[in-house]
């Protein structure tokens, strides 16, 4: 059973628009996300961490591990309503060290799952990413993540072709 951080992840990826259409806290971060995926137009929004109305011990522990708080956090998400089995997100933790982000994220995701999640490096669109989870381990599919500066970019999908496409549309390292 998934716990609170994965609930926050799901909320951030798939619910922002239904709760508050038109959120654009960081248009610059939004601009780094793809506008289409699998031929489907995506809704792109962003929100400050202080505006997230979820309580997640794992999420707050992720930030604490980085020496940061919700005041330092911004999320941007690209998603579609309906049958698209994937979404793209970026988590910016202002001033966080790039070498610390991925380990803290992996630890937080794992601590939110009762299942020991498989983690492995893969090459998608010519870029090394970390895959968190195997098909069937996470309800929305594996998470494919990489870090650029103080931003975690990730795709969650059960369809490898969507993961490849989305990673290819994200900023180069």
N, C-alpha and C. Protein backbone atom coordinates (compact mmCIF):
# COMPACT_ATOMS: atom_id res chain seq x y z
N UNK A 1 0.84 -1.19 0.00
CA UNK A 1 0.00 0.00 0.00
C UNK A 1 0.89 1.25 0.00
N UNK A 2 0.58 2.19 -0.83
CA UNK A 2 1.36 3.42 -0.91
C UNK A 2 0.95 4.35 0.22
N UNK A 3 1.92 5.08 0.75
CA UNK A 3 1.64 5.98 1.84
C UNK A 3 1.60 7.42 1.36
N UNK A 4 1.88 8.34 2.24
CA UNK A 4 1.57 9.74 1.98
C UNK A 4 2.38 10.42 0.88
N UNK A 5 3.68 10.15 0.72
CA UNK A 5 4.42 10.85 -0.34
C UNK A 5 3.91 10.45 -1.70
N UNK A 6 3.60 9.18 -1.90
CA UNK A 6 3.06 8.78 -3.19
C UNK A 6 1.68 9.38 -3.39
N UNK A 7 0.93 9.58 -2.33
CA UNK A 7 -0.35 10.28 -2.45
C UNK A 7 -0.12 11.73 -2.87
N UNK A 8 0.90 12.37 -2.32
CA UNK A 8 1.24 13.75 -2.72
C UNK A 8 1.69 13.75 -4.17
N UNK A 9 2.53 12.79 -4.56
CA UNK A 9 3.00 12.69 -5.94
C UNK A 9 1.81 12.56 -6.88
N UNK A 10 0.89 11.66 -6.57
CA UNK A 10 -0.29 11.47 -7.40
C UNK A 10 -1.12 12.76 -7.45
N UNK A 11 -1.30 13.39 -6.31
CA UNK A 11 -2.06 14.65 -6.24
C UNK A 11 -1.43 15.70 -7.14
N UNK A 12 -0.11 15.85 -7.01
CA UNK A 12 0.59 16.87 -7.78
C UNK A 12 0.51 16.58 -9.27
N UNK A 13 0.67 15.33 -9.66
CA UNK A 13 0.68 14.99 -11.08
C UNK A 13 -0.70 15.03 -11.72
N UNK A 14 -1.73 14.62 -11.00
CA UNK A 14 -3.01 14.40 -11.66
C UNK A 14 -4.16 15.25 -11.16
N UNK A 15 -3.97 16.02 -10.10
CA UNK A 15 -5.12 16.71 -9.54
C UNK A 15 -5.04 18.22 -9.53
N UNK A 16 -3.91 18.78 -9.88
CA UNK A 16 -3.78 20.23 -9.77
C UNK A 16 -4.87 20.96 -10.54
N UNK A 17 -5.10 20.55 -11.76
CA UNK A 17 -6.06 21.26 -12.60
C UNK A 17 -7.48 21.14 -12.11
N UNK A 18 -7.85 19.96 -11.62
CA UNK A 18 -9.22 19.79 -11.18
C UNK A 18 -9.51 20.59 -9.91
N UNK A 19 -8.47 20.89 -9.14
CA UNK A 19 -8.68 21.64 -7.91
C UNK A 19 -8.60 23.15 -8.11
N UNK A 20 -7.76 23.57 -9.01
CA UNK A 20 -7.60 25.01 -9.19
C UNK A 20 -7.03 25.30 -10.57
N UNK A 21 -7.89 25.31 -11.55
CA UNK A 21 -7.44 25.57 -12.91
C UNK A 21 -6.78 26.94 -12.98
N UNK A 22 -5.71 27.01 -13.74
CA UNK A 22 -5.06 28.28 -13.96
C UNK A 22 -3.98 28.64 -12.97
N UNK A 23 -3.46 27.70 -12.22
CA UNK A 23 -2.37 28.00 -11.30
C UNK A 23 -1.08 28.11 -12.10
N UNK A 24 -0.40 29.24 -11.93
CA UNK A 24 0.84 29.48 -12.67
C UNK A 24 1.82 30.22 -11.78
N UNK A 25 2.28 29.56 -10.73
CA UNK A 25 3.20 30.17 -9.78
C UNK A 25 4.57 30.43 -10.39
N UNK A 26 4.99 29.57 -11.34
CA UNK A 26 6.32 29.71 -11.93
C UNK A 26 6.26 29.41 -13.43
N UNK A 27 5.90 30.40 -14.24
CA UNK A 27 5.83 30.19 -15.69
C UNK A 27 7.15 29.74 -16.32
N UNK A 28 8.27 30.13 -15.74
CA UNK A 28 9.57 29.73 -16.29
C UNK A 28 9.77 28.22 -16.11
N UNK A 29 9.43 27.69 -14.95
CA UNK A 29 9.51 26.25 -14.71
C UNK A 29 8.51 25.51 -15.59
N UNK A 30 7.32 26.06 -15.73
CA UNK A 30 6.31 25.45 -16.59
C UNK A 30 6.82 25.32 -18.03
N UNK A 31 7.56 26.32 -18.49
CA UNK A 31 8.04 26.34 -19.87
C UNK A 31 9.02 25.21 -20.17
N UNK A 32 9.58 24.59 -19.15
CA UNK A 32 10.52 23.48 -19.37
C UNK A 32 9.81 22.16 -19.60
N UNK A 33 8.49 22.11 -19.42
CA UNK A 33 7.73 20.87 -19.56
C UNK A 33 7.14 20.74 -20.95
N UNK A 34 6.93 19.50 -21.41
CA UNK A 34 6.34 19.32 -22.74
C UNK A 34 4.89 19.78 -22.81
N UNK A 35 4.48 20.23 -23.98
CA UNK A 35 3.11 20.67 -24.19
C UNK A 35 2.21 19.57 -24.72
N UNK A 36 2.84 18.50 -25.25
CA UNK A 36 2.09 17.34 -25.72
C UNK A 36 2.82 16.08 -25.30
N UNK A 37 2.07 15.01 -25.20
CA UNK A 37 2.63 13.69 -24.90
C UNK A 37 1.72 12.66 -25.55
N UNK A 38 2.30 11.80 -26.35
CA UNK A 38 1.51 10.79 -27.05
C UNK A 38 0.47 11.40 -27.96
N UNK A 39 0.75 12.60 -28.49
CA UNK A 39 -0.19 13.29 -29.37
C UNK A 39 -1.33 13.98 -28.65
N UNK A 40 -1.29 14.00 -27.32
CA UNK A 40 -2.34 14.61 -26.51
C UNK A 40 -1.82 15.93 -25.93
N UNK A 41 -2.62 16.99 -26.05
CA UNK A 41 -2.26 18.28 -25.45
C UNK A 41 -2.32 18.17 -23.93
N UNK A 42 -1.31 18.75 -23.28
CA UNK A 42 -1.21 18.68 -21.82
C UNK A 42 -1.61 20.01 -21.19
N UNK A 43 -2.19 19.92 -20.02
CA UNK A 43 -2.42 21.08 -19.18
C UNK A 43 -1.16 21.27 -18.35
N UNK A 44 -0.66 22.50 -18.31
CA UNK A 44 0.57 22.77 -17.57
C UNK A 44 0.26 23.82 -16.51
N UNK A 45 0.63 23.50 -15.28
CA UNK A 45 0.40 24.39 -14.15
C UNK A 45 1.57 24.30 -13.18
N UNK A 46 1.62 25.26 -12.27
CA UNK A 46 2.64 25.22 -11.23
C UNK A 46 2.07 25.80 -9.95
N UNK A 47 2.72 25.42 -8.86
CA UNK A 47 2.21 25.81 -7.55
C UNK A 47 3.36 25.91 -6.56
N UNK A 48 3.29 26.88 -5.67
CA UNK A 48 4.27 27.00 -4.59
C UNK A 48 4.01 25.91 -3.56
N UNK A 49 5.07 25.46 -2.91
CA UNK A 49 4.94 24.44 -1.87
C UNK A 49 4.03 24.86 -0.74
N UNK A 50 4.03 26.13 -0.43
CA UNK A 50 3.19 26.62 0.66
C UNK A 50 1.71 26.57 0.30
N UNK A 51 1.40 26.42 -1.00
CA UNK A 51 0.00 26.35 -1.43
C UNK A 51 -0.52 24.92 -1.54
N UNK A 52 0.36 23.94 -1.40
CA UNK A 52 -0.08 22.54 -1.44
C UNK A 52 -0.86 22.25 -0.16
N UNK A 53 -2.08 21.78 -0.31
CA UNK A 53 -2.88 21.53 0.88
C UNK A 53 -2.92 20.04 1.19
N UNK A 54 -1.73 19.47 1.34
CA UNK A 54 -1.63 18.07 1.76
C UNK A 54 -0.65 17.99 2.91
N UNK A 55 -0.91 17.08 3.81
CA UNK A 55 0.00 16.82 4.91
C UNK A 55 0.69 15.50 4.61
N UNK A 56 1.98 15.55 4.44
CA UNK A 56 2.75 14.35 4.12
C UNK A 56 4.04 14.37 4.91
N UNK A 57 4.16 13.46 5.83
CA UNK A 57 5.38 13.35 6.61
C UNK A 57 6.56 13.03 5.71
N UNK A 58 6.35 12.13 4.73
CA UNK A 58 7.44 11.74 3.83
C UNK A 58 7.89 12.93 2.97
N UNK A 59 6.93 13.71 2.48
CA UNK A 59 7.26 14.88 1.66
C UNK A 59 8.02 15.90 2.50
N UNK A 60 7.52 16.18 3.69
CA UNK A 60 8.21 17.14 4.55
C UNK A 60 9.59 16.62 4.97
N UNK A 61 9.72 15.30 5.15
CA UNK A 61 11.03 14.70 5.46
C UNK A 61 11.99 14.85 4.29
N UNK A 62 11.47 14.71 3.06
CA UNK A 62 12.27 14.93 1.85
C UNK A 62 12.87 16.34 1.89
N UNK A 63 12.04 17.33 2.16
CA UNK A 63 12.53 18.71 2.21
C UNK A 63 13.50 18.91 3.36
N UNK A 64 13.18 18.34 4.52
CA UNK A 64 14.05 18.48 5.70
C UNK A 64 15.42 17.85 5.43
N UNK A 65 15.43 16.70 4.75
CA UNK A 65 16.69 16.04 4.40
C UNK A 65 17.59 16.97 3.58
N UNK A 66 16.98 17.85 2.82
CA UNK A 66 17.71 18.80 1.98
C UNK A 66 17.98 20.12 2.72
N UNK A 67 17.52 20.21 3.96
CA UNK A 67 17.68 21.45 4.71
C UNK A 67 16.74 22.54 4.21
N UNK A 68 15.60 22.13 3.66
CA UNK A 68 14.67 23.07 3.05
C UNK A 68 13.28 22.89 3.63
N UNK A 69 12.37 23.78 3.23
CA UNK A 69 10.98 23.72 3.69
C UNK A 69 10.07 23.96 2.50
N UNK A 70 8.78 23.94 2.74
CA UNK A 70 7.82 24.18 1.66
C UNK A 70 7.99 25.57 1.04
N UNK A 71 8.54 26.51 1.76
CA UNK A 71 8.80 27.85 1.21
C UNK A 71 9.82 27.80 0.08
N UNK A 72 10.65 26.76 0.07
CA UNK A 72 11.69 26.62 -0.95
C UNK A 72 11.25 25.75 -2.13
N UNK A 73 10.03 25.27 -2.11
CA UNK A 73 9.56 24.26 -3.06
C UNK A 73 8.56 24.83 -4.06
N UNK A 74 8.73 24.44 -5.33
CA UNK A 74 7.77 24.78 -6.39
C UNK A 74 7.58 23.52 -7.24
N UNK A 75 6.37 23.25 -7.61
CA UNK A 75 6.07 22.12 -8.48
C UNK A 75 5.45 22.64 -9.77
N UNK A 76 5.84 22.04 -10.89
CA UNK A 76 5.16 22.29 -12.16
C UNK A 76 4.77 20.92 -12.71
N UNK A 77 3.59 20.83 -13.26
CA UNK A 77 3.10 19.55 -13.78
C UNK A 77 2.47 19.73 -15.15
N UNK A 78 2.64 18.69 -15.96
CA UNK A 78 2.02 18.62 -17.28
C UNK A 78 1.25 17.31 -17.32
N UNK A 79 -0.05 17.39 -17.54
CA UNK A 79 -0.91 16.21 -17.46
C UNK A 79 -2.11 16.40 -18.37
N UNK A 80 -2.83 15.33 -18.58
CA UNK A 80 -4.05 15.38 -19.38
C UNK A 80 -5.13 14.60 -18.67
N UNK A 81 -6.34 15.10 -18.77
CA UNK A 81 -7.49 14.35 -18.26
C UNK A 81 -7.77 13.24 -19.26
N UNK A 82 -8.36 12.19 -18.78
CA UNK A 82 -8.75 11.14 -19.71
C UNK A 82 -7.83 9.96 -19.71
N UNK A 83 -7.59 9.42 -20.90
CA UNK A 83 -6.95 8.12 -21.00
C UNK A 83 -5.42 8.15 -21.12
N UNK A 84 -4.78 9.30 -21.12
CA UNK A 84 -3.33 9.35 -21.21
C UNK A 84 -2.74 8.73 -19.95
N UNK A 85 -1.89 7.73 -20.13
CA UNK A 85 -1.31 7.00 -18.99
C UNK A 85 0.07 7.53 -18.66
N UNK A 86 0.14 8.83 -18.40
CA UNK A 86 1.42 9.40 -18.05
C UNK A 86 1.29 10.87 -17.73
N UNK A 87 2.25 11.35 -16.97
CA UNK A 87 2.32 12.77 -16.61
C UNK A 87 3.78 13.12 -16.38
N UNK A 88 4.08 14.40 -16.48
CA UNK A 88 5.44 14.91 -16.32
C UNK A 88 5.41 15.97 -15.23
N UNK A 89 6.43 15.99 -14.43
CA UNK A 89 6.48 16.98 -13.36
C UNK A 89 7.91 17.43 -13.12
N UNK A 90 8.03 18.59 -12.53
CA UNK A 90 9.32 19.06 -12.06
C UNK A 90 9.13 19.60 -10.65
N UNK A 91 10.04 19.22 -9.80
CA UNK A 91 10.05 19.71 -8.42
C UNK A 91 11.30 20.55 -8.27
N UNK A 92 11.12 21.83 -8.04
CA UNK A 92 12.26 22.70 -7.80
C UNK A 92 12.37 22.94 -6.30
N UNK A 93 13.56 22.67 -5.78
CA UNK A 93 13.85 22.94 -4.38
C UNK A 93 14.96 23.98 -4.39
N UNK A 94 14.55 25.25 -4.23
CA UNK A 94 15.48 26.37 -4.38
C UNK A 94 16.69 26.20 -3.47
N UNK A 95 17.86 26.24 -4.11
CA UNK A 95 19.12 26.19 -3.38
C UNK A 95 19.55 24.81 -2.95
N UNK A 96 18.80 23.77 -3.28
CA UNK A 96 19.20 22.41 -2.92
C UNK A 96 20.37 21.98 -3.79
N UNK A 97 21.26 21.22 -3.23
CA UNK A 97 22.39 20.72 -3.99
C UNK A 97 21.96 19.63 -4.96
N UNK A 98 22.43 19.70 -6.18
CA UNK A 98 22.01 18.74 -7.20
C UNK A 98 22.40 17.31 -6.83
N UNK A 99 23.47 17.13 -6.10
CA UNK A 99 23.91 15.79 -5.70
C UNK A 99 23.05 15.22 -4.58
N UNK A 100 22.30 16.05 -3.89
CA UNK A 100 21.47 15.60 -2.77
C UNK A 100 20.03 15.30 -3.18
N UNK A 101 19.57 15.92 -4.26
CA UNK A 101 18.15 15.80 -4.63
C UNK A 101 17.71 14.37 -4.93
N UNK A 102 18.43 13.68 -5.80
CA UNK A 102 17.99 12.34 -6.20
C UNK A 102 18.01 11.36 -5.03
N UNK A 103 19.08 11.30 -4.22
CA UNK A 103 19.04 10.39 -3.08
C UNK A 103 17.88 10.68 -2.11
N UNK A 104 17.61 11.95 -1.87
CA UNK A 104 16.50 12.31 -0.97
C UNK A 104 15.16 11.92 -1.58
N UNK A 105 15.00 12.11 -2.89
CA UNK A 105 13.77 11.75 -3.58
C UNK A 105 13.56 10.24 -3.54
N UNK A 106 14.60 9.48 -3.86
CA UNK A 106 14.51 8.02 -3.85
C UNK A 106 14.15 7.51 -2.46
N UNK A 107 14.78 8.08 -1.44
CA UNK A 107 14.50 7.66 -0.07
C UNK A 107 13.05 7.98 0.30
N UNK A 108 12.57 9.14 -0.09
CA UNK A 108 11.20 9.53 0.23
C UNK A 108 10.18 8.65 -0.48
N UNK A 109 10.43 8.36 -1.76
CA UNK A 109 9.51 7.50 -2.50
C UNK A 109 9.49 6.11 -1.87
N UNK A 110 10.67 5.57 -1.57
CA UNK A 110 10.73 4.24 -0.96
C UNK A 110 10.05 4.22 0.40
N UNK A 111 10.24 5.26 1.19
CA UNK A 111 9.63 5.28 2.52
C UNK A 111 8.11 5.39 2.44
N UNK A 112 7.59 5.78 1.28
CA UNK A 112 6.15 5.90 1.10
C UNK A 112 5.52 4.61 0.58
N UNK A 113 6.32 3.60 0.39
CA UNK A 113 5.81 2.35 -0.16
C UNK A 113 6.08 1.19 0.79
N UNK A 114 5.12 0.31 0.93
CA UNK A 114 5.33 -0.91 1.71
C UNK A 114 6.04 -1.97 0.90
N UNK A 115 6.17 -1.73 -0.41
CA UNK A 115 6.85 -2.65 -1.32
C UNK A 115 8.28 -2.17 -1.53
N UNK A 116 9.24 -3.08 -1.49
CA UNK A 116 10.62 -2.72 -1.82
C UNK A 116 10.65 -2.40 -3.32
N UNK A 117 10.88 -1.13 -3.64
CA UNK A 117 10.85 -0.68 -5.03
C UNK A 117 12.19 -0.94 -5.72
N UNK A 118 12.12 -1.44 -6.93
CA UNK A 118 13.30 -1.63 -7.75
C UNK A 118 13.76 -0.26 -8.23
N UNK A 119 15.06 -0.02 -8.16
CA UNK A 119 15.63 1.23 -8.67
C UNK A 119 16.80 0.88 -9.56
N UNK A 120 16.81 1.46 -10.76
CA UNK A 120 17.87 1.15 -11.72
C UNK A 120 18.08 2.33 -12.65
N UNK A 121 19.30 2.45 -13.14
CA UNK A 121 19.58 3.46 -14.16
C UNK A 121 19.23 2.90 -15.52
N UNK A 122 18.66 3.76 -16.37
CA UNK A 122 18.30 3.41 -17.73
C UNK A 122 18.68 4.56 -18.65
N UNK A 123 18.75 4.28 -19.91
CA UNK A 123 18.98 5.32 -20.91
C UNK A 123 17.66 5.51 -21.67
N UNK A 124 17.12 6.72 -21.60
CA UNK A 124 15.92 7.09 -22.36
C UNK A 124 16.24 8.34 -23.15
N UNK A 125 15.96 8.32 -24.42
CA UNK A 125 16.24 9.47 -25.30
C UNK A 125 17.68 9.95 -25.15
N UNK A 126 18.61 8.99 -25.00
CA UNK A 126 20.02 9.33 -24.91
C UNK A 126 20.45 9.91 -23.58
N UNK A 127 19.60 9.87 -22.60
CA UNK A 127 19.86 10.48 -21.29
C UNK A 127 19.78 9.41 -20.20
N UNK A 128 20.70 9.44 -19.25
CA UNK A 128 20.64 8.53 -18.12
C UNK A 128 19.61 9.03 -17.12
N UNK A 129 18.67 8.16 -16.80
CA UNK A 129 17.63 8.47 -15.81
C UNK A 129 17.60 7.34 -14.79
N UNK A 130 17.03 7.62 -13.64
CA UNK A 130 16.79 6.59 -12.64
C UNK A 130 15.34 6.17 -12.74
N UNK A 131 15.14 4.87 -12.87
CA UNK A 131 13.78 4.33 -12.86
C UNK A 131 13.49 3.84 -11.45
N UNK A 132 12.39 4.32 -10.90
CA UNK A 132 11.95 3.89 -9.57
C UNK A 132 10.70 3.05 -9.78
N UNK A 133 10.80 1.79 -9.44
CA UNK A 133 9.67 0.88 -9.56
C UNK A 133 9.70 0.09 -10.86
N UNK A 134 9.17 -1.09 -10.77
CA UNK A 134 8.92 -1.96 -11.93
C UNK A 134 7.45 -1.83 -12.28
N UNK A 135 7.07 -2.24 -13.48
CA UNK A 135 5.63 -2.28 -13.79
C UNK A 135 4.90 -3.09 -12.71
N UNK A 136 3.83 -2.52 -12.20
CA UNK A 136 3.04 -3.17 -11.16
C UNK A 136 3.42 -2.79 -9.73
N UNK A 137 4.59 -2.18 -9.53
CA UNK A 137 4.98 -1.79 -8.17
C UNK A 137 4.34 -0.48 -7.74
N UNK A 138 4.09 0.43 -8.67
CA UNK A 138 3.45 1.71 -8.38
C UNK A 138 2.17 1.79 -9.20
N UNK A 139 1.13 2.29 -8.62
CA UNK A 139 -0.19 2.29 -9.27
C UNK A 139 -0.19 2.97 -10.63
N UNK A 140 0.56 4.06 -10.80
CA UNK A 140 0.58 4.80 -12.05
C UNK A 140 1.77 4.44 -12.94
N UNK A 141 2.51 3.41 -12.56
CA UNK A 141 3.67 2.99 -13.33
C UNK A 141 4.97 3.51 -12.74
N UNK A 142 6.09 3.06 -13.29
CA UNK A 142 7.40 3.50 -12.80
C UNK A 142 7.58 5.02 -12.93
N UNK A 143 8.46 5.53 -12.10
CA UNK A 143 8.87 6.94 -12.15
C UNK A 143 10.26 6.98 -12.78
N UNK A 144 10.42 7.83 -13.78
CA UNK A 144 11.71 8.02 -14.45
C UNK A 144 12.17 9.43 -14.09
N UNK A 145 13.33 9.55 -13.44
CA UNK A 145 13.72 10.83 -12.86
C UNK A 145 15.18 11.17 -13.17
N UNK A 146 15.44 12.46 -13.33
CA UNK A 146 16.81 12.97 -13.41
C UNK A 146 16.84 14.35 -12.78
N UNK A 147 18.04 14.81 -12.48
CA UNK A 147 18.24 16.10 -11.81
C UNK A 147 19.00 17.04 -12.72
N UNK A 148 18.55 18.28 -12.72
CA UNK A 148 19.29 19.36 -13.38
C UNK A 148 19.28 20.54 -12.42
N UNK A 149 20.45 20.91 -11.94
CA UNK A 149 20.59 22.02 -11.00
C UNK A 149 19.80 21.71 -9.73
N UNK A 150 18.83 22.55 -9.38
CA UNK A 150 18.03 22.31 -8.17
C UNK A 150 16.62 21.81 -8.51
N UNK A 151 16.52 21.12 -9.66
CA UNK A 151 15.22 20.64 -10.13
C UNK A 151 15.26 19.14 -10.39
N UNK A 152 14.26 18.44 -9.87
CA UNK A 152 14.01 17.04 -10.21
C UNK A 152 12.99 17.04 -11.34
N UNK A 153 13.32 16.41 -12.45
CA UNK A 153 12.36 16.23 -13.54
C UNK A 153 11.96 14.77 -13.53
N UNK A 154 10.67 14.50 -13.60
CA UNK A 154 10.29 13.10 -13.65
C UNK A 154 9.01 12.88 -14.44
N UNK A 155 8.92 11.64 -14.91
CA UNK A 155 7.79 11.16 -15.68
C UNK A 155 7.27 9.93 -14.95
N UNK A 156 5.98 9.84 -14.80
CA UNK A 156 5.40 8.61 -14.27
C UNK A 156 4.43 8.06 -15.29
N UNK A 157 4.72 6.84 -15.73
CA UNK A 157 3.88 6.20 -16.75
C UNK A 157 4.12 4.71 -16.75
N UNK A 158 3.10 3.98 -17.14
CA UNK A 158 3.23 2.53 -17.31
C UNK A 158 3.62 2.19 -18.75
N UNK A 159 3.75 3.20 -19.60
CA UNK A 159 4.06 2.98 -21.02
C UNK A 159 5.46 3.49 -21.35
N UNK A 160 6.40 2.56 -21.61
CA UNK A 160 7.78 2.96 -21.91
C UNK A 160 7.92 3.96 -23.06
N UNK A 161 7.07 3.87 -24.08
CA UNK A 161 7.18 4.82 -25.20
C UNK A 161 6.85 6.24 -24.76
N UNK A 162 5.88 6.38 -23.85
CA UNK A 162 5.58 7.72 -23.32
C UNK A 162 6.72 8.23 -22.47
N UNK A 163 7.35 7.36 -21.69
CA UNK A 163 8.50 7.77 -20.88
C UNK A 163 9.62 8.27 -21.78
N UNK A 164 9.91 7.53 -22.83
CA UNK A 164 10.97 7.91 -23.77
C UNK A 164 10.66 9.27 -24.42
N UNK A 165 9.43 9.44 -24.86
CA UNK A 165 9.03 10.70 -25.49
C UNK A 165 9.14 11.88 -24.51
N UNK A 166 8.59 11.69 -23.32
CA UNK A 166 8.60 12.77 -22.33
C UNK A 166 10.00 13.16 -21.92
N UNK A 167 10.86 12.17 -21.63
CA UNK A 167 12.24 12.48 -21.23
C UNK A 167 12.94 13.23 -22.36
N UNK A 168 12.68 12.86 -23.59
CA UNK A 168 13.29 13.53 -24.74
C UNK A 168 12.87 14.97 -24.89
N UNK A 169 11.72 15.33 -24.33
CA UNK A 169 11.22 16.71 -24.44
C UNK A 169 11.63 17.60 -23.28
N UNK A 170 12.27 17.02 -22.27
CA UNK A 170 12.71 17.79 -21.10
C UNK A 170 14.06 18.42 -21.36
N UNK A 171 14.44 19.43 -20.56
CA UNK A 171 15.70 20.15 -20.79
C UNK A 171 16.92 19.22 -20.75
N UNK A 172 17.90 19.54 -21.57
CA UNK A 172 19.16 18.81 -21.57
C UNK A 172 19.93 19.10 -20.30
N UNK A 173 20.77 18.17 -19.96
CA UNK A 173 21.59 18.35 -18.75
C UNK A 173 22.69 19.34 -18.97
